[in-house]
Every structure is written in structure tokens, then in C-alpha cells.
Protein backbone atom coordinates (compact mmCIF):
# COMPACT_ATOMS: atom_id res chain seq x y z
CA MET A 1 157.15 -146.03 71.80
CA ASN A 2 156.98 -147.68 75.08
CA LEU A 3 159.43 -146.91 77.99
CA LEU A 4 162.64 -148.70 77.22
CA ASN A 5 162.66 -147.18 73.66
CA LYS A 6 162.03 -144.00 75.09
CA VAL A 7 165.27 -144.21 77.70
CA ILE A 8 167.08 -145.35 74.21
CA VAL A 9 166.54 -142.29 72.27
CA PHE A 10 166.59 -139.78 75.00
CA SER A 11 169.71 -141.54 75.92
CA PHE A 12 171.11 -140.71 72.70
CA LEU A 13 169.80 -137.31 72.72
CA PHE A 14 171.40 -136.68 75.90
CA VAL A 15 175.21 -137.58 74.68
CA GLN A 16 174.83 -135.47 71.91
CA PHE A 17 173.39 -132.47 73.43
CA HIS A 18 175.57 -132.66 76.56
CA ASN A 19 178.25 -133.28 74.37
CA GLY A 20 181.31 -130.65 75.51
CA TYR A 21 179.17 -128.96 77.84
CA SER A 22 179.83 -130.53 81.22
CA GLN A 23 183.28 -130.55 82.49
CA SER A 24 185.23 -134.03 82.99
CA SER A 25 184.58 -135.09 86.62
CA LYS A 26 187.31 -134.13 89.20
CA GLN A 27 186.51 -137.14 91.22
CA THR A 28 184.25 -134.98 93.92
CA PHE A 29 182.17 -137.91 94.73
CA LYS A 30 183.05 -141.82 94.77
CA SER A 31 181.68 -144.40 92.63
CA GLN A 32 177.76 -145.03 93.87
CA LEU A 33 177.41 -147.79 96.07
CA ALA A 34 174.28 -149.84 96.81
CA LEU A 35 172.88 -149.29 100.32
CA GLY A 36 169.70 -151.19 100.10
CA GLU A 37 167.09 -152.66 97.52
CA ILE A 38 163.49 -151.29 97.54
CA ILE A 39 161.22 -154.38 98.32
CA ASP A 40 158.02 -153.08 99.53
CA LYS A 41 155.06 -152.95 97.36
CA GLN A 42 153.97 -149.47 98.55
CA LEU A 43 157.00 -148.01 97.48
CA SER A 44 156.99 -149.05 93.37
CA GLU A 45 157.39 -145.80 91.87
CA ILE A 46 159.30 -142.99 94.06
CA SER A 47 159.54 -139.88 92.61
CA GLY A 48 160.94 -137.78 95.33
CA ILE A 49 163.43 -138.22 98.14
CA THR A 50 165.45 -136.32 101.23
CA TYR A 51 167.10 -137.18 103.93
CA ALA A 52 165.32 -137.07 107.17
CA THR A 53 166.19 -135.00 110.13
CA GLN A 54 167.00 -138.47 112.32
CA SER A 55 170.13 -139.50 111.72
CA SER A 56 170.20 -142.77 108.83
CA TYR A 57 166.67 -142.12 107.82
CA PHE A 58 165.11 -140.88 104.38
CA TRP A 59 161.49 -139.41 103.64
CA VAL A 60 160.39 -140.99 99.77
CA HIS A 61 156.93 -140.22 98.01
CA ASN A 62 155.85 -142.02 94.64
CA ASP A 63 154.17 -140.29 92.06
CA SER A 64 150.70 -140.20 90.34
CA GLY A 65 149.97 -143.66 91.39
CA ASP A 66 149.88 -142.20 95.23
CA GLY A 67 147.99 -140.29 97.09
CA ALA A 68 149.01 -137.52 99.62
CA ARG A 69 151.54 -139.60 101.44
CA ILE A 70 155.46 -139.49 102.46
CA TYR A 71 157.15 -142.91 103.55
CA LEU A 72 160.09 -143.10 106.13
CA ILE A 73 162.98 -145.66 104.96
CA ASP A 74 166.24 -146.55 106.42
CA LYS A 75 169.24 -147.06 104.92
CA GLU A 76 168.66 -150.59 104.27
CA CYS A 77 165.42 -149.15 102.68
CA LYS A 78 163.08 -150.79 104.86
CA LEU A 79 160.01 -149.10 105.16
CA LEU A 80 159.68 -147.67 108.96
CA CYS A 81 156.21 -145.60 108.61
CA ASP A 82 153.72 -143.95 106.06
CA TYR A 83 152.36 -140.36 107.01
CA GLU A 84 149.23 -139.40 105.05
CA LEU A 85 148.30 -135.58 104.73
CA GLU A 86 144.80 -135.57 105.88
CA ALA A 87 142.21 -133.91 103.22
CA ILE A 88 144.84 -133.24 100.87
CA ASP A 89 143.94 -134.18 96.95
CA VAL A 90 147.22 -134.36 95.00
CA LYS A 91 147.52 -135.30 91.09
CA ASP A 92 150.81 -135.88 90.42
CA CYS A 93 153.70 -135.37 93.40
CA GLU A 94 157.37 -135.60 91.77
CA ASP A 95 159.56 -134.11 94.27
CA MET A 96 160.00 -133.09 97.46
CA ALA A 97 162.16 -130.91 99.52
CA ARG A 98 163.24 -129.15 103.26
CA VAL A 99 163.46 -125.64 104.57
CA ILE A 100 163.87 -124.16 108.12
CA ILE A 101 161.24 -121.95 109.58
CA SER A 102 161.58 -120.07 112.66
CA GLY A 103 164.13 -122.85 113.84
CA LYS A 104 162.07 -125.89 112.64
CA PRO A 105 162.55 -128.49 109.89
CA TYR A 106 159.78 -128.27 107.44
CA LEU A 107 159.04 -131.04 104.50
CA ILE A 108 157.40 -129.89 100.94
CA LEU A 109 155.80 -132.30 99.06
CA ALA A 110 155.38 -130.83 95.56
CA ASP A 111 152.26 -131.48 93.47
CA ILE A 112 154.01 -129.88 89.94
CA GLY A 113 153.90 -132.97 87.86
CA ASP A 114 152.08 -132.43 84.04
CA ASN A 115 152.95 -134.40 81.51
CA ARG A 116 150.48 -132.44 79.01
CA ALA A 117 151.27 -129.18 80.23
CA ILE A 118 147.56 -128.05 80.81
CA ARG A 119 147.37 -127.25 84.58
CA THR A 120 147.08 -123.54 85.16
CA HIS A 121 148.29 -123.91 88.58
CA ILE A 122 150.49 -126.26 90.61
CA LYS A 123 150.77 -126.75 94.61
CA LEU A 124 152.91 -127.18 97.22
CA TYR A 125 152.13 -128.90 101.09
CA ILE A 126 154.23 -127.48 103.44
CA PHE A 127 154.19 -129.02 107.02
CA PRO A 128 156.13 -129.82 110.03
CA GLU A 129 159.09 -132.62 109.35
CA PRO A 130 157.28 -135.78 111.74
CA ILE A 131 159.05 -137.42 114.41
CA TYR A 132 158.91 -140.90 113.97
CA LYS A 133 159.01 -143.10 117.69
CA SER A 134 159.58 -146.65 117.19
CA GLY A 135 156.58 -148.88 116.49
CA ASP A 136 154.73 -146.27 114.56
CA ASN A 137 152.85 -147.70 111.12
CA ALA A 138 150.20 -145.42 109.80
CA MET A 139 150.47 -141.97 110.64
CA LEU A 140 148.14 -138.66 109.83
CA ILE A 141 149.84 -135.58 109.36
CA ALA A 142 146.79 -132.97 110.32
CA LYS A 143 145.28 -130.62 108.00
CA LYS A 144 146.30 -127.50 110.23
CA GLU A 145 149.70 -128.55 110.04
CA ILE A 146 149.67 -128.53 106.22
CA ARG A 147 150.28 -125.24 104.42
CA THR A 148 149.26 -124.94 100.61
CA VAL A 149 150.45 -122.62 98.37
CA THR A 150 149.38 -122.31 94.50
CA LEU A 151 152.21 -121.66 92.36
CA ARG A 152 151.84 -120.42 88.82
CA TYR A 153 154.20 -120.06 85.84
CA SER A 154 154.53 -116.79 84.19
CA ASP A 155 155.05 -117.94 80.91
CA GLY A 156 152.11 -120.73 80.90
CA PRO A 157 151.87 -124.47 82.08
CA ARG A 158 155.26 -126.48 82.56
CA ASP A 159 155.84 -130.15 83.16
CA ALA A 160 158.25 -130.08 86.27
CA GLU A 161 160.08 -132.80 88.37
CA ALA A 162 162.66 -130.85 90.44
CA LEU A 163 163.01 -128.36 93.12
CA PHE A 164 164.79 -127.34 95.75
CA ILE A 165 164.88 -124.09 98.38
CA ASP A 166 168.29 -122.21 98.74
CA PRO A 167 168.84 -122.39 102.39
CA LYS A 168 170.44 -119.19 102.38
CA ASP A 169 167.43 -117.13 101.45
CA ARG A 170 164.78 -119.64 101.69
CA GLN A 171 164.07 -118.56 97.51
CA LEU A 172 162.30 -121.46 96.05
CA TYR A 173 163.50 -122.87 92.40
CA VAL A 174 161.37 -125.42 90.12
CA ILE A 175 163.12 -126.89 87.22
CA SER A 176 160.79 -127.87 84.21
CA LYS A 177 161.59 -131.38 82.47
CA ARG A 178 159.91 -131.77 78.87
CA ASP A 179 161.24 -128.22 77.75
CA PHE A 180 164.40 -128.75 74.84
CA GLN A 181 166.08 -126.72 77.52
CA SER A 182 165.47 -127.39 80.70
CA THR A 183 164.28 -124.15 82.50
CA VAL A 184 165.23 -122.90 86.02
CA TYR A 185 162.02 -121.10 87.48
CA LYS A 186 162.39 -118.80 91.06
CA ALA A 187 159.11 -117.88 93.44
CA VAL A 188 159.23 -116.03 96.77
CA ILE A 189 157.23 -118.12 99.50
CA PHE A 190 158.66 -117.85 102.43
CA ASN A 191 159.08 -113.92 103.02
CA ASP A 192 155.37 -114.03 103.98
CA LEU A 193 153.98 -117.10 105.35
CA LYS A 194 150.36 -115.66 105.41
CA LYS A 195 150.89 -115.62 101.15
CA ASN A 196 149.29 -118.49 99.77
CA ASN A 197 150.08 -118.14 96.16
CA ALA A 198 153.06 -117.05 94.19
CA LEU A 199 154.31 -116.76 90.41
CA LEU A 200 157.01 -118.87 89.33
CA SER A 201 159.77 -116.79 87.13
CA PRO A 202 162.08 -118.20 84.30
CA ILE A 203 165.83 -117.21 85.32
CA ILE A 204 168.24 -119.45 83.33
CA LYS A 205 167.71 -122.14 81.01
CA LEU A 206 170.00 -125.33 81.12
CA PRO A 207 171.89 -126.55 78.05
CA PHE A 208 170.28 -130.14 78.79
CA THR A 209 166.64 -131.34 78.91
CA PHE A 210 164.35 -134.11 80.93
CA VAL A 211 165.32 -132.78 84.49
CA THR A 212 164.27 -135.33 86.83
CA SER A 213 165.29 -134.41 90.15
CA ALA A 214 167.31 -131.57 91.98
CA ASP A 215 168.97 -130.68 95.38
CA ILE A 216 170.57 -128.23 97.37
CA SER A 217 173.36 -128.93 100.15
CA THR A 218 172.31 -128.16 103.46
CA SER A 219 174.93 -125.01 103.60
CA GLY A 220 173.78 -123.91 100.01
CA ASP A 221 177.50 -124.41 98.95
CA GLU A 222 176.60 -127.40 96.17
CA ILE A 223 173.87 -127.96 93.56
CA LEU A 224 172.81 -131.25 91.77
CA ILE A 225 170.60 -131.74 88.79
CA LYS A 226 169.82 -134.89 87.58
CA ASN A 227 168.29 -136.27 84.32
CA LEU A 228 167.62 -140.04 83.56
CA THR A 229 171.31 -140.52 82.51
CA GLU A 230 173.38 -138.05 83.77
CA ILE A 231 174.15 -136.04 87.28
CA PHE A 232 175.29 -132.29 87.03
CA TYR A 233 177.15 -130.93 90.24
CA TRP A 234 178.19 -127.28 90.77
CA LYS A 235 180.37 -125.62 93.58
CA ARG A 236 178.71 -122.15 94.37
CA ASN A 237 181.03 -119.70 95.60
CA ARG A 238 180.03 -117.69 98.45
CA ASN A 239 177.92 -114.73 98.10
CA GLU A 240 177.32 -116.07 94.49
CA SER A 241 173.55 -116.37 93.15
CA VAL A 242 171.70 -119.70 92.49
CA GLU A 243 171.37 -118.10 88.91
CA HIS A 244 175.11 -117.25 88.54
CA THR A 245 176.11 -120.93 89.54
CA LEU A 246 174.03 -122.29 87.25
CA SER A 247 175.73 -120.19 84.56
CA LYS A 248 179.01 -122.48 84.81
CA LYS A 249 179.94 -125.28 83.40
CA PRO A 250 178.86 -128.47 85.97
CA THR A 251 181.30 -131.45 86.81
CA SER A 252 179.38 -134.39 85.15
CA ILE A 253 179.36 -137.27 88.15
CA PRO A 254 180.11 -140.72 87.03
CA TYR A 255 176.54 -142.77 87.34
CA GLN A 256 175.30 -146.21 86.54
CA VAL A 257 171.89 -145.59 84.74
CA GLU A 258 169.25 -146.24 87.45
CA PRO A 259 166.05 -148.13 85.54
CA GLN A 260 164.20 -144.60 85.95
CA GLY A 261 165.48 -142.89 88.26
CA GLU A 262 163.83 -139.78 89.53
CA ALA A 263 165.34 -138.59 92.98
CA ILE A 264 168.42 -137.16 94.21
CA THR A 265 169.35 -135.77 97.81
CA PHE A 266 172.18 -134.34 99.37
CA GLY A 267 172.92 -136.04 102.84
CA GLY A 268 172.39 -134.09 105.96
CA ASN A 269 175.97 -133.67 107.09
CA GLU A 270 176.93 -133.27 103.73
CA GLU A 271 178.60 -136.73 103.75
CA GLY A 272 177.86 -137.11 99.52
CA PHE A 273 174.75 -137.54 98.24
CA TYR A 274 171.83 -140.54 97.50
CA THR A 275 169.72 -141.23 94.63
CA ILE A 276 166.67 -143.49 94.08
CA SER A 277 164.86 -145.03 91.33
CA GLU A 278 161.05 -146.27 90.31
CA ARG A 279 160.38 -150.03 89.47
CA PRO A 280 159.46 -150.29 86.01
CA PHE A 281 158.92 -153.65 84.63
CA GLY A 282 159.59 -155.23 88.02
CA LEU A 283 163.15 -154.01 87.79
CA LYS A 284 165.31 -153.84 90.88
CA SER A 285 165.54 -150.08 92.61
CA TYR A 286 168.26 -149.44 95.12
CA LEU A 287 169.34 -146.85 97.77
CA TYR A 288 172.49 -145.29 96.29
CA PHE A 289 175.00 -143.28 98.20
CA PHE A 290 178.07 -141.37 96.44
CA GLU A 291 180.45 -140.77 99.37
CA LYS A 292 182.23 -137.37 98.86
CA ARG A 293 185.69 -137.52 98.90
């Protein structure tokens, strides 16, 4: 079955499966606005995005068709610089996230893709967020700056394309993709910075499937989870756990489906959120902005 047919089939299943699950939109966000188009050939399979500390920039990466590399783009989707992780081999990077360690921003490149669910271990690469300087082109992130964390699922291998770190307690959450009900897993990796392996334990099943990306706001008070055809939004109450928040019905955000949308991020100032997609069959990919009302 080719990709187009798969999308049609899954779209039908999503509509049937999600009917009555999410609340009607409360218009928390404005309609999506295209800010720029991806035209650089190096960025043909964007699978992850997170905002950059430097205003108006974004970090993105490709999936299994690329190596251990991240790219910095601006809001018009102009490629500013690419950064290679030194001496790192990856299999299938599917998302990225950020975390604050000792007051400094770090990025996480997540090598968590596993279409056939056969990988006994998956890996995260954690490194200080690079600082872009005008004129930078192709840069190297030194091996000594990269922390590699190996993860294992407690209930066997899973394919996953989504993760986020709760800024309130720095707990890691990974969401499976191909289970009939996507499952949220939790692991502790930031309490002991010398411990480089951890177990992912399931905490809750979601009543939908094929999750391709997720993010949590900088305050930790909002959560987004995206699959191929829908975006779900949760408002988190004070002192509420992530698990409890995700057990409630989300708001469905009005969304014009992208060709193969696999990336989502909140803005650094919580001004709204952004999505971006791959470019299957040469279809166009845009950076979309959903401004908060």
C-alpha cells in the first residue's frame, strides 16, 4: 500500500476511533498561518522541531534518511546552519526536545524510531544548545559534549516518534506510535546525570493511535500531541501530574492536514505553537504557526 493510500485509510480510522473523544475546540488558538516554505534539499524529511533559545529560530532534523545532524532555520524556513554530532551513528531519529540542566539549555536528539519494533534499545543524545553566529555554515558538536542515554521499554520494543520532558520535574515521556492505543511511557534520566541507561515504563494509554509528535510548554502547563490528522491539546492544572492531565479529554485544535506532518513545538514565549512536515512525493512543506488567542 503506497503512502497516499495509507494516509486515506488511517484518516478514516482516526475519524471513527476519535469520534466523541476530544472536546470541541474552544478556539484557544487561531487558524494555522504559513510563515515560510522549506525549499532546501537537505530538509526533505523533517521529523522533529523545537524552538531555539535565539529568538525567531528553530531546530529541526530529518528522520532515518539522515545522520546525526540538526539544522537551524528561521521563521521563513531559510536554512542558516547545520550541526553534526561528532562520532555518533543513528538509526532513525524521530523527534527532538529540550531540557534545562544547571540553568543551561540542552537539546535532545531522539533516535527512537523502530518501524518493525525490533530494537532492544533506543537512544537519546543530549548536548548543550549551540549558539549560532552569523556566517556559521557547517559546524561540529564535539563528542565530549554529548551525553548518550540508552533506553529500554519494560514491555518490549515499540516504535515511537514523540517525546517531551516535563520542565517542572524533568521527567522524560515517550509516546508509542503503532500500538492500537498509543501508550505514554515515563523514565527518569535527569536526576542522576552519571546514569546513562533507564527503563521506560507505561503510565497511560491514549484513545487514539499513530502519534507522530508531542510537546509541552516552557511552563509545563500545556501539552500537545499530534498524529497524522489531528492535534490534541491539554491544559494542565497546578500541581497536576502529566498522567492525570492526559487522562482527561483534550481539546481538538482545528488543523489543515499537512502532507506528512511529523513535528510540533510550542514557541519559547508560549505565543502559540508551530508545525512542519516532510515533503513526500515532492509536495510542499511549510512552517505553520498557530497563534494563541
